[in-house]
């Protein structure tokens, strides 16, 4: 997984984010989807993300991870 620049991040369509309104947790491929689930769980545990938002991240990431 490569590090995204701000410009590269802006090029990612909103539909490729688990939380598109905030442009957080990109899930454009399986590696990013796994990472998004891990980071969301960490942020929920730290009190920085609601349980509902963590579930949204998990659901969007699972869509990517379940693809063949």
C-alpha atoms as a PDB file:
ATOM      1  CA  UNK A   1       0.000   0.000   0.000  1.00  0.00           C
ATOM      2  CA  UNK A   2       1.457   3.329  -1.013  1.00  0.00           C
ATOM      3  CA  UNK A   3       1.201   6.559   0.910  1.00  0.00           C
ATOM      4  CA  UNK A   4      -1.292   8.980  -0.625  1.00  0.00           C
ATOM      5  CA  UNK A   5      -0.530  12.612  -1.180  1.00  0.00           C
ATOM      6  CA  UNK A   6      -3.297  15.153  -0.569  1.00  0.00           C
ATOM      7  CA  UNK A   7      -3.680  15.533  -4.320  1.00  0.00           C
ATOM      8  CA  UNK A   8      -3.958  11.773  -4.858  1.00  0.00           C
ATOM      9  CA  UNK A   9      -6.488  11.526  -2.044  1.00  0.00           C
ATOM     10  CA  UNK A  10      -8.674  14.184  -3.698  1.00  0.00           C
ATOM     11  CA  UNK A  11      -8.656  12.112  -6.905  1.00  0.00           C
ATOM     12  CA  UNK A  12     -10.307   9.161  -5.162  1.00  0.00           C
ATOM     13  CA  UNK A  13     -14.066   9.206  -5.819  1.00  0.00           C
ATOM     14  CA  UNK A  14     -16.205   9.712  -2.713  1.00  0.00           C
ATOM     15  CA  UNK A  15     -17.776   6.299  -3.299  1.00  0.00           C
ATOM     16  CA  UNK A  16     -14.444   4.663  -2.539  1.00  0.00           C
ATOM     17  CA  UNK A  17     -14.500   5.889   1.083  1.00  0.00           C
ATOM     18  CA  UNK A  18     -16.267   4.114   3.924  1.00  0.00           C
ATOM     19  CA  UNK A  19     -17.233   7.523   5.340  1.00  0.00           C
ATOM     20  CA  UNK A  20     -17.589   9.537   2.117  1.00  0.00           C
ATOM     21  CA  UNK A  21     -18.985  12.704   3.714  1.00  0.00           C
ATOM     22  CA  UNK A  22     -15.727  13.040   5.661  1.00  0.00           C
ATOM     23  CA  UNK A  23     -13.509  11.432   3.000  1.00  0.00           C
ATOM     24  CA  UNK A  24     -12.202   9.013   5.618  1.00  0.00           C
ATOM     25  CA  UNK A  25     -11.238   5.352   5.452  1.00  0.00           C
ATOM     26  CA  UNK A  26     -10.519   4.715   1.758  1.00  0.00           C
ATOM     27  CA  UNK A  27     -11.554   1.215   0.705  1.00  0.00           C
ATOM     28  CA  UNK A  28     -10.578   1.137  -2.944  1.00  0.00           C
ATOM     29  CA  UNK A  29      -8.981  -2.331  -2.724  1.00  0.00           C
ATOM     30  CA  UNK A  30      -8.680  -5.235  -0.295  1.00  0.00           C
ATOM     31  CA  UNK A  31      -5.540  -3.918   1.406  1.00  0.00           C
ATOM     32  CA  UNK A  32      -7.203  -0.566   2.087  1.00  0.00           C
ATOM     33  CA  UNK A  33     -10.408  -2.284   3.230  1.00  0.00           C
ATOM     34  CA  UNK A  34      -8.536  -4.388   5.795  1.00  0.00           C
ATOM     35  CA  UNK A  35      -6.672  -1.309   6.975  1.00  0.00           C
ATOM     36  CA  UNK A  36      -9.886   0.711   7.253  1.00  0.00           C
ATOM     37  CA  UNK A  37     -11.470  -1.927   9.480  1.00  0.00           C
ATOM     38  CA  UNK A  38      -8.426  -1.993  11.749  1.00  0.00           C
ATOM     39  CA  UNK A  39      -8.112   1.777  12.000  1.00  0.00           C
ATOM     40  CA  UNK A  40     -11.842   2.221  12.626  1.00  0.00           C
ATOM     41  CA  UNK A  41     -11.738  -0.314  15.472  1.00  0.00           C
ATOM     42  CA  UNK A  42      -8.772   1.503  16.990  1.00  0.00           C
ATOM     43  CA  UNK A  43     -10.493   4.870  16.718  1.00  0.00           C
ATOM     44  CA  UNK A  44     -13.706   3.524  18.247  1.00  0.00           C
ATOM     45  CA  UNK A  45     -11.744   2.075  21.179  1.00  0.00           C
ATOM     46  CA  UNK A  46      -9.969   5.421  21.651  1.00  0.00           C
ATOM     47  CA  UNK A  47     -13.327   7.223  21.704  1.00  0.00           C
ATOM     48  CA  UNK A  48     -12.747   9.100  18.446  1.00  0.00           C
ATOM     49  CA  UNK A  49     -15.312   7.221  16.338  1.00  0.00           C
ATOM     50  CA  UNK A  50     -18.866   6.204  17.142  1.00  0.00           C
ATOM     51  CA  UNK A  51     -19.950   2.583  17.082  1.00  0.00           C
ATOM     52  CA  UNK A  52     -22.382   3.411  14.282  1.00  0.00           C
ATOM     53  CA  UNK A  53     -19.598   4.877  12.120  1.00  0.00           C
ATOM     54  CA  UNK A  54     -17.330   1.900  12.856  1.00  0.00           C
ATOM     55  CA  UNK A  55     -20.120  -0.406  11.699  1.00  0.00           C
ATOM     56  CA  UNK A  56     -20.491   1.669   8.498  1.00  0.00           C
ATOM     57  CA  UNK A  57     -16.753   1.320   7.858  1.00  0.00           C
ATOM     58  CA  UNK A  58     -16.916  -2.434   8.473  1.00  0.00           C
ATOM     59  CA  UNK A  59     -19.901  -2.857   6.145  1.00  0.00           C
ATOM     60  CA  UNK A  60     -18.296  -0.909   3.285  1.00  0.00           C
ATOM     61  CA  UNK A  61     -14.963  -2.706   3.768  1.00  0.00           C
ATOM     62  CA  UNK A  62     -16.709  -6.093   3.841  1.00  0.00           C
ATOM     63  CA  UNK A  63     -18.262  -5.330   0.436  1.00  0.00           C
ATOM     64  CA  UNK A  64     -14.741  -5.039  -0.979  1.00  0.00           C
ATOM     65  CA  UNK A  65     -13.321  -7.998   0.959  1.00  0.00           C
ATOM     66  CA  UNK A  66     -16.173 -10.308  -0.114  1.00  0.00           C
ATOM     67  CA  UNK A  67     -15.511  -9.696  -3.823  1.00  0.00           C
ATOM     68  CA  UNK A  68     -13.719 -12.503  -5.665  1.00  0.00           C
END
